[in-house]
Amino acid sequence: MTLTDTATSELSMSTETITPETFDLLDWIQTGTVARRQVPIFIDHAAFAEYQRLTGRLKELGWSALEATRAERPADGPLDEPVNPHTEEIAALEEELAGVEERLFASRMVWTVRALSRDEIEATFDQCPDPKLPVPPKDGAAKAVHDKWMEKVSENQKGIRNADRTRELLMIQAATESVETARGVRDEVTVEELRAIRSRPHGAAWMDQLSEAIAAATNENAEPPVPTLPARSTSTRG
């Protein structure tokens, strides 16, 4: 008996011992994995601006076309091929661009976030509930009472927005598995750190990127968008 035959035999035996009464669905679900996303964020915007300037100038000088020509040109190609008249400037800009790219990638942080369960999401509402709505004044109440109630409504709306922002940070904290940078790696972050990051210029946009990645992972469907292969068993298809 070959190894394949042995494995098949053992699989058949183990399958035969499983009955509707002994099959543990929750135990089987534990064999699954959780969706993750990686979010690269670059924090050196000055380097990015310089990168855009240099690549823009290089394209003006025919840089892309020149690179394509170099890639396609045979080693023994004719010597009378057209030569880019800006070769020296292109070489200098390429050297400058290499340094800028090094700066840019040194400023990169890569966040790895995972999908959240419904319980984890709902737990953020327990940690940070919305403020209670103010009780409206009775019919016929004085204008001063009504105005005071409107002030409380405005404060309540502000409180709801603040609670939404705090819950966003709580979900990012729960979903973050690691943050990798050129200086080191963190395997967790605190809400206070996230709040400080968000308060910086560009920080709110970074939090939006992370929230979108978490939502995408959480809502991911693992069913492949291809038909089942003919050789694959169809006994479990609905």
C-alpha atoms as a PDB file:
ATOM      1  CA  MET A   1       0.000   0.000   0.000  1.00  0.00           C
ATOM      2  CA  THR A   2       1.400   3.434  -0.968  1.00  0.00           C
ATOM      3  CA  LEU A   3       1.509   6.504   1.259  1.00  0.00           C
ATOM      4  CA  THR A   4      -1.328   8.021  -0.772  1.00  0.00           C
ATOM      5  CA  ASP A   5      -3.456   4.914  -0.292  1.00  0.00           C
ATOM      6  CA  THR A   6      -2.728   4.951   3.435  1.00  0.00           C
ATOM      7  CA  ALA A   7      -3.675   8.629   3.770  1.00  0.00           C
ATOM      8  CA  THR A   8      -6.875   8.071   1.794  1.00  0.00           C
ATOM      9  CA  SER A   9      -7.758   5.066   3.930  1.00  0.00           C
ATOM     10  CA  GLU A  10      -7.180   6.986   7.165  1.00  0.00           C
ATOM     11  CA  LEU A  11      -9.245   9.917   5.874  1.00  0.00           C
ATOM     12  CA  SER A  12     -12.099   7.570   4.961  1.00  0.00           C
ATOM     13  CA  MET A  13     -11.982   5.929   8.386  1.00  0.00           C
ATOM     14  CA  SER A  14     -11.986   9.264  10.204  1.00  0.00           C
ATOM     15  CA  THR A  15     -14.839  10.502   8.027  1.00  0.00           C
ATOM     16  CA  GLU A  16     -16.869   7.392   8.658  1.00  0.00           C
ATOM     17  CA  THR A  17     -16.579   7.859  12.436  1.00  0.00           C
ATOM     18  CA  ILE A  18     -18.120  11.328  12.275  1.00  0.00           C
ATOM     19  CA  THR A  19     -21.875  11.358  12.655  1.00  0.00           C
ATOM     20  CA  PRO A  20     -24.372  14.214  13.041  1.00  0.00           C
ATOM     21  CA  GLU A  21     -24.314  13.478  16.762  1.00  0.00           C
ATOM     22  CA  THR A  22     -20.514  13.588  17.110  1.00  0.00           C
ATOM     23  CA  PHE A  23     -19.727  16.389  14.651  1.00  0.00           C
ATOM     24  CA  ASP A  24     -18.686  19.522  16.579  1.00  0.00           C
ATOM     25  CA  LEU A  25     -19.435  22.509  14.358  1.00  0.00           C
ATOM     26  CA  LEU A  26     -17.847  25.082  16.664  1.00  0.00           C
ATOM     27  CA  ASP A  27     -14.683  22.998  16.946  1.00  0.00           C
ATOM     28  CA  TRP A  28     -14.491  22.821  13.153  1.00  0.00           C
ATOM     29  CA  ILE A  29     -14.994  26.598  12.799  1.00  0.00           C
ATOM     30  CA  GLN A  30     -12.004  27.104  15.119  1.00  0.00           C
ATOM     31  CA  THR A  31      -9.819  25.652  12.344  1.00  0.00           C
ATOM     32  CA  GLY A  32     -10.491  28.733  10.215  1.00  0.00           C
ATOM     33  CA  THR A  33      -8.332  31.846   9.959  1.00  0.00           C
ATOM     34  CA  VAL A  34      -9.065  35.552  10.282  1.00  0.00           C
ATOM     35  CA  ALA A  35      -8.877  38.088   7.436  1.00  0.00           C
ATOM     36  CA  ARG A  36      -6.124  40.669   7.696  1.00  0.00           C
ATOM     37  CA  ARG A  37      -5.044  43.787   5.857  1.00  0.00           C
ATOM     38  CA  GLN A  38      -1.732  45.648   5.656  1.00  0.00           C
ATOM     39  CA  VAL A  39      -1.913  49.437   5.474  1.00  0.00           C
ATOM     40  CA  PRO A  40       1.288  51.268   4.433  1.00  0.00           C
ATOM     41  CA  ILE A  41       1.383  54.903   5.565  1.00  0.00           C
ATOM     42  CA  PHE A  42       4.161  57.341   4.611  1.00  0.00           C
ATOM     43  CA  ILE A  43       4.667  60.255   7.012  1.00  0.00           C
ATOM     44  CA  ASP A  44       7.349  62.340   5.200  1.00  0.00           C
ATOM     45  CA  HIS A  45       5.195  64.545   2.988  1.00  0.00           C
ATOM     46  CA  ALA A  46       8.106  66.819   2.121  1.00  0.00           C
ATOM     47  CA  ALA A  47       9.934  63.818   0.641  1.00  0.00           C
ATOM     48  CA  PHE A  48       6.770  62.856  -1.234  1.00  0.00           C
ATOM     49  CA  ALA A  49       6.474  66.359  -2.710  1.00  0.00           C
ATOM     50  CA  GLU A  50      10.106  66.173  -3.837  1.00  0.00           C
ATOM     51  CA  TYR A  51       9.476  62.689  -5.268  1.00  0.00           C
ATOM     52  CA  GLN A  52       6.580  64.058  -7.328  1.00  0.00           C
ATOM     53  CA  ARG A  53       8.684  66.995  -8.549  1.00  0.00           C
ATOM     54  CA  LEU A  54      11.576  64.794  -9.645  1.00  0.00           C
ATOM     55  CA  THR A  55       9.459  62.134 -11.342  1.00  0.00           C
ATOM     56  CA  GLY A  56       7.449  64.868 -13.065  1.00  0.00           C
ATOM     57  CA  ARG A  57      10.615  66.463 -14.466  1.00  0.00           C
ATOM     58  CA  LEU A  58      12.016  63.075 -15.521  1.00  0.00           C
ATOM     59  CA  LYS A  59       8.848  62.318 -17.470  1.00  0.00           C
ATOM     60  CA  GLU A  60       9.120  65.709 -19.178  1.00  0.00           C
ATOM     61  CA  LEU A  61      12.601  64.683 -20.315  1.00  0.00           C
ATOM     62  CA  GLY A  62      11.341  61.436 -21.807  1.00  0.00           C
ATOM     63  CA  TRP A  63      12.510  59.335 -18.875  1.00  0.00           C
ATOM     64  CA  SER A  64       9.820  56.642 -19.203  1.00  0.00           C
ATOM     65  CA  ALA A  65      10.399  56.284 -22.945  1.00  0.00           C
ATOM     66  CA  LEU A  66      14.158  56.130 -22.407  1.00  0.00           C
ATOM     67  CA  GLU A  67      13.813  53.380 -19.798  1.00  0.00           C
ATOM     68  CA  ALA A  68      11.607  51.353 -22.164  1.00  0.00           C
ATOM     69  CA  THR A  69      14.161  51.802 -24.955  1.00  0.00           C
ATOM     70  CA  ARG A  70      16.967  50.609 -22.678  1.00  0.00           C
ATOM     71  CA  ALA A  71      14.988  47.524 -21.665  1.00  0.00           C
ATOM     72  CA  GLU A  72      14.128  46.544 -25.230  1.00  0.00           C
ATOM     73  CA  ARG A  73      17.426  47.427 -26.916  1.00  0.00           C
ATOM     74  CA  PRO A  74      19.505  44.317 -27.786  1.00  0.00           C
ATOM     75  CA  ALA A  75      23.088  44.214 -26.584  1.00  0.00           C
ATOM     76  CA  ASP A  76      24.385  44.307 -30.162  1.00  0.00           C
ATOM     77  CA  GLY A  77      21.883  46.937 -31.373  1.00  0.00           C
ATOM     78  CA  PRO A  78      22.836  49.505 -34.037  1.00  0.00           C
ATOM     79  CA  LEU A  79      24.887  52.468 -32.917  1.00  0.00           C
ATOM     80  CA  ASP A  80      22.805  55.001 -34.836  1.00  0.00           C
ATOM     81  CA  GLU A  81      19.747  54.712 -32.541  1.00  0.00           C
ATOM     82  CA  PRO A  82      18.400  58.077 -31.329  1.00  0.00           C
ATOM     83  CA  VAL A  83      19.937  59.261 -28.061  1.00  0.00           C
ATOM     84  CA  ASN A  84      17.996  61.284 -25.516  1.00  0.00           C
ATOM     85  CA  PRO A  85      19.621  64.761 -25.476  1.00  0.00           C
ATOM     86  CA  HIS A  86      18.906  65.085 -21.738  1.00  0.00           C
ATOM     87  CA  THR A  87      20.867  62.005 -20.675  1.00  0.00           C
ATOM     88  CA  GLU A  88      23.143  63.907 -18.282  1.00  0.00           C
ATOM     89  CA  GLU A  89      20.279  65.729 -16.562  1.00  0.00           C
ATOM     90  CA  ILE A  90      18.304  62.475 -16.338  1.00  0.00           C
ATOM     91  CA  ALA A  91      21.253  60.724 -14.687  1.00  0.00           C
ATOM     92  CA  ALA A  92      21.597  63.528 -12.129  1.00  0.00           C
ATOM     93  CA  LEU A  93      17.860  63.491 -11.397  1.00  0.00           C
ATOM     94  CA  GLU A  94      17.857  59.710 -11.046  1.00  0.00           C
ATOM     95  CA  GLU A  95      20.624  59.945  -8.459  1.00  0.00           C
ATOM     96  CA  GLU A  96      18.679  62.614  -6.573  1.00  0.00           C
ATOM     97  CA  LEU A  97      15.508  60.541  -6.829  1.00  0.00           C
ATOM     98  CA  ALA A  98      17.212  57.526  -5.263  1.00  0.00           C
ATOM     99  CA  GLY A  99      18.016  59.575  -2.159  1.00  0.00           C
ATOM    100  CA  VAL A 100      14.462  60.912  -1.961  1.00  0.00           C
ATOM    101  CA  GLU A 101      13.012  57.411  -2.280  1.00  0.00           C
ATOM    102  CA  GLU A 102      15.264  56.289   0.556  1.00  0.00           C
ATOM    103  CA  ARG A 103      13.907  59.111   2.718  1.00  0.00           C
ATOM    104  CA  LEU A 104      10.347  58.310   1.742  1.00  0.00           C
ATOM    105  CA  PHE A 105      10.560  54.606   2.547  1.00  0.00           C
ATOM    106  CA  ALA A 106      12.367  55.347   5.807  1.00  0.00           C
ATOM    107  CA  SER A 107       9.211  57.239   6.818  1.00  0.00           C
ATOM    108  CA  ARG A 108       6.888  54.324   6.084  1.00  0.00           C
ATOM    109  CA  MET A 109       4.907  52.519   8.744  1.00  0.00           C
ATOM    110  CA  VAL A 110       2.972  49.359   7.914  1.00  0.00           C
ATOM    111  CA  TRP A 111      -0.054  48.590  10.072  1.00  0.00           C
ATOM    112  CA  THR A 112      -1.369  45.023  10.127  1.00  0.00           C
ATOM    113  CA  VAL A 113      -5.006  44.940  11.186  1.00  0.00           C
ATOM    114  CA  ARG A 114      -7.466  42.060  11.429  1.00  0.00           C
ATOM    115  CA  ALA A 115     -11.196  41.517  11.157  1.00  0.00           C
ATOM    116  CA  LEU A 116     -13.285  42.190  14.255  1.00  0.00           C
ATOM    117  CA  SER A 117     -16.132  40.123  15.622  1.00  0.00           C
ATOM    118  CA  ARG A 118     -19.580  41.594  16.226  1.00  0.00           C
ATOM    119  CA  ASP A 119     -19.021  41.199  19.976  1.00  0.00           C
ATOM    120  CA  GLU A 120     -15.765  43.179  19.766  1.00  0.00           C
ATOM    121  CA  ILE A 121     -17.495  45.968  17.873  1.00  0.00           C
ATOM    122  CA  GLU A 122     -20.434  46.065  20.267  1.00  0.00           C
ATOM    123  CA  ALA A 123     -18.028  46.113  23.218  1.00  0.00           C
ATOM    124  CA  THR A 124     -16.855  49.555  22.101  1.00  0.00           C
ATOM    125  CA  PHE A 125     -20.393  50.846  22.711  1.00  0.00           C
ATOM    126  CA  ASP A 126     -20.200  49.462  26.264  1.00  0.00           C
ATOM    127  CA  GLN A 127     -16.851  51.201  26.756  1.00  0.00           C
ATOM    128  CA  CYS A 128     -18.029  54.451  25.211  1.00  0.00           C
ATOM    129  CA  PRO A 129     -21.840  54.783  25.040  1.00  0.00           C
ATOM    130  CA  ASP A 130     -23.614  57.687  23.391  1.00  0.00           C
ATOM    131  CA  PRO A 131     -24.714  60.438  25.803  1.00  0.00           C
ATOM    132  CA  LYS A 132     -28.384  60.391  26.750  1.00  0.00           C
ATOM    133  CA  LEU A 133     -30.715  62.682  24.842  1.00  0.00           C
ATOM    134  CA  PRO A 134     -31.968  65.704  26.815  1.00  0.00           C
ATOM    135  CA  VAL A 135     -35.612  65.604  27.794  1.00  0.00           C
ATOM    136  CA  PRO A 136     -37.604  68.012  25.588  1.00  0.00           C
ATOM    137  CA  PRO A 137     -39.588  70.784  27.314  1.00  0.00           C
ATOM    138  CA  LYS A 138     -43.316  70.414  27.802  1.00  0.00           C
ATOM    139  CA  ASP A 139     -45.735  72.048  25.414  1.00  0.00           C
ATOM    140  CA  GLY A 140     -46.167  75.698  26.178  1.00  0.00           C
ATOM    141  CA  ALA A 141     -42.837  76.015  27.981  1.00  0.00           C
ATOM    142  CA  ALA A 142     -41.241  79.443  28.067  1.00  0.00           C
ATOM    143  CA  LYS A 143     -38.886  80.448  25.264  1.00  0.00           C
ATOM    144  CA  ALA A 144     -35.969  80.544  27.697  1.00  0.00           C
ATOM    145  CA  VAL A 145     -36.628  76.895  28.638  1.00  0.00           C
ATOM    146  CA  HIS A 146     -36.841  75.914  24.974  1.00  0.00           C
ATOM    147  CA  ASP A 147     -33.611  77.742  24.174  1.00  0.00           C
ATOM    148  CA  LYS A 148     -31.857  76.000  27.041  1.00  0.00           C
ATOM    149  CA  TRP A 149     -33.057  72.647  25.717  1.00  0.00           C
ATOM    150  CA  MET A 150     -31.710  73.484  22.245  1.00  0.00           C
ATOM    151  CA  GLU A 151     -28.321  74.211  23.794  1.00  0.00           C
ATOM    152  CA  LYS A 152     -28.390  70.781  25.450  1.00  0.00           C
ATOM    153  CA  VAL A 153     -29.347  69.167  22.121  1.00  0.00           C
ATOM    154  CA  SER A 154     -26.347  70.831  20.463  1.00  0.00           C
ATOM    155  CA  GLU A 155     -24.071  69.599  23.258  1.00  0.00           C
ATOM    156  CA  ASN A 156     -25.576  66.129  22.907  1.00  0.00           C
ATOM    157  CA  GLN A 157     -24.802  66.016  19.176  1.00  0.00           C
ATOM    158  CA  LYS A 158     -21.231  67.038  19.899  1.00  0.00           C
ATOM    159  CA  GLY A 159     -21.021  64.290  22.515  1.00  0.00           C
ATOM    160  CA  ILE A 160     -22.284  61.706  20.017  1.00  0.00           C
ATOM    161  CA  ARG A 161     -19.623  62.759  17.493  1.00  0.00           C
ATOM    162  CA  ASN A 162     -16.929  62.490  20.155  1.00  0.00           C
ATOM    163  CA  ALA A 163     -18.207  59.047  21.158  1.00  0.00           C
ATOM    164  CA  ASP A 164     -18.103  57.928  17.504  1.00  0.00           C
ATOM    165  CA  ARG A 165     -14.486  59.061  17.229  1.00  0.00           C
ATOM    166  CA  THR A 166     -13.523  57.314  20.457  1.00  0.00           C
ATOM    167  CA  ARG A 167     -15.184  54.073  19.353  1.00  0.00           C
ATOM    168  CA  GLU A 168     -13.262  54.288  16.076  1.00  0.00           C
ATOM    169  CA  LEU A 169     -10.009  54.388  18.053  1.00  0.00           C
ATOM    170  CA  LEU A 170     -11.131  51.508  20.276  1.00  0.00           C
ATOM    171  CA  MET A 171     -11.794  49.375  17.193  1.00  0.00           C
ATOM    172  CA  ILE A 172      -8.433  50.284  15.650  1.00  0.00           C
ATOM    173  CA  GLN A 173      -6.727  49.403  18.929  1.00  0.00           C
ATOM    174  CA  ALA A 174      -8.495  46.025  19.075  1.00  0.00           C
ATOM    175  CA  ALA A 175      -7.759  45.216  15.423  1.00  0.00           C
ATOM    176  CA  THR A 176      -4.077  46.260  15.353  1.00  0.00           C
ATOM    177  CA  GLU A 177      -1.677  43.310  15.400  1.00  0.00           C
ATOM    178  CA  SER A 178       1.533  45.158  14.564  1.00  0.00           C
ATOM    179  CA  VAL A 179       3.005  48.471  13.438  1.00  0.00           C
ATOM    180  CA  GLU A 180       6.311  48.145  11.578  1.00  0.00           C
ATOM    181  CA  THR A 181       8.657  51.090  11.037  1.00  0.00           C
ATOM    182  CA  ALA A 182      12.306  51.573  10.134  1.00  0.00           C
ATOM    183  CA  ARG A 183      13.020  52.216  13.842  1.00  0.00           C
ATOM    184  CA  GLY A 184      11.215  49.233  15.282  1.00  0.00           C
ATOM    185  CA  VAL A 185       8.032  47.195  15.585  1.00  0.00           C
ATOM    186  CA  ARG A 186       5.076  47.474  17.959  1.00  0.00           C
ATOM    187  CA  ASP A 187       2.563  44.680  18.470  1.00  0.00           C
ATOM    188  CA  GLU A 188      -0.067  46.905  20.073  1.00  0.00           C
ATOM    189  CA  VAL A 189      -1.093  50.543  20.422  1.00  0.00           C
ATOM    190  CA  THR A 190      -3.021  52.433  23.074  1.00  0.00           C
ATOM    191  CA  VAL A 191      -6.064  54.618  22.554  1.00  0.00           C
ATOM    192  CA  GLU A 192      -4.055  57.560  23.899  1.00  0.00           C
ATOM    193  CA  GLU A 193      -1.390  57.006  21.222  1.00  0.00           C
ATOM    194  CA  LEU A 194      -4.030  56.724  18.514  1.00  0.00           C
ATOM    195  CA  ARG A 195      -5.714  59.905  19.723  1.00  0.00           C
ATOM    196  CA  ALA A 196      -2.375  61.733  19.640  1.00  0.00           C
ATOM    197  CA  ILE A 197      -1.691  60.452  16.113  1.00  0.00           C
ATOM    198  CA  ARG A 198      -5.137  61.537  14.934  1.00  0.00           C
ATOM    199  CA  SER A 199      -4.618  65.043  16.340  1.00  0.00           C
ATOM    200  CA  ARG A 200      -1.657  65.594  14.000  1.00  0.00           C
ATOM    201  CA  PRO A 201      -1.967  66.939  10.452  1.00  0.00           C
ATOM    202  CA  HIS A 202      -2.887  63.988   8.181  1.00  0.00           C
ATOM    203  CA  GLY A 203      -3.684  61.941  11.298  1.00  0.00           C
ATOM    204  CA  ALA A 204      -7.438  61.840  10.710  1.00  0.00           C
ATOM    205  CA  ALA A 205      -6.847  60.570   7.158  1.00  0.00           C
ATOM    206  CA  TRP A 206      -4.561  57.818   8.518  1.00  0.00           C
ATOM    207  CA  MET A 207      -7.269  56.729  10.969  1.00  0.00           C
ATOM    208  CA  ASP A 208      -9.760  56.660   8.085  1.00  0.00           C
ATOM    209  CA  GLN A 209      -7.407  54.376   6.115  1.00  0.00           C
ATOM    210  CA  LEU A 210      -7.123  51.989   9.046  1.00  0.00           C
ATOM    211  CA  SER A 211     -10.870  51.981   9.697  1.00  0.00           C
ATOM    212  CA  GLU A 212     -11.576  51.221   6.032  1.00  0.00           C
ATOM    213  CA  ALA A 213      -9.062  48.348   6.060  1.00  0.00           C
ATOM    214  CA  ILE A 214     -10.621  46.891   9.216  1.00  0.00           C
ATOM    215  CA  ALA A 215     -14.105  47.134   7.708  1.00  0.00           C
ATOM    216  CA  ALA A 216     -12.892  45.458   4.500  1.00  0.00           C
ATOM    217  CA  ALA A 217     -11.326  42.600   6.479  1.00  0.00           C
ATOM    218  CA  THR A 218     -14.375  42.242   8.718  1.00  0.00           C
ATOM    219  CA  ASN A 219     -16.762  42.069   5.753  1.00  0.00           C
ATOM    220  CA  GLU A 220     -14.579  39.834   3.610  1.00  0.00           C
ATOM    221  CA  ASN A 221     -16.220  36.751   2.108  1.00  0.00           C
ATOM    222  CA  ALA A 222     -13.700  33.925   1.712  1.00  0.00           C
ATOM    223  CA  GLU A 223     -15.586  32.287  -1.152  1.00  0.00           C
ATOM    224  CA  PRO A 224     -13.327  32.333  -4.242  1.00  0.00           C
ATOM    225  CA  PRO A 225     -14.864  34.093  -7.275  1.00  0.00           C
ATOM    226  CA  VAL A 226     -14.245  31.096  -9.559  1.00  0.00           C
ATOM    227  CA  PRO A 227     -16.352  28.027 -10.359  1.00  0.00           C
ATOM    228  CA  THR A 228     -15.582  24.800  -8.542  1.00  0.00           C
ATOM    229  CA  LEU A 229     -13.062  22.687 -10.422  1.00  0.00           C
ATOM    230  CA  PRO A 230     -14.607  19.641 -12.178  1.00  0.00           C
ATOM    231  CA  ALA A 231     -12.484  17.225 -10.142  1.00  0.00           C
ATOM    232  CA  ARG A 232     -13.597  18.763  -6.838  1.00  0.00           C
ATOM    233  CA  SER A 233     -16.360  17.043  -4.876  1.00  0.00           C
ATOM    234  CA  THR A 234     -19.742  18.706  -5.294  1.00  0.00           C
ATOM    235  CA  SER A 235     -21.470  16.751  -2.547  1.00  0.00           C
ATOM    236  CA  THR A 236     -21.603  19.763  -0.228  1.00  0.00           C
ATOM    237  CA  ARG A 237     -22.786  22.284  -2.806  1.00  0.00           C
ATOM    238  CA  GLY A 238     -26.258  23.692  -2.226  1.00  0.00           C
END
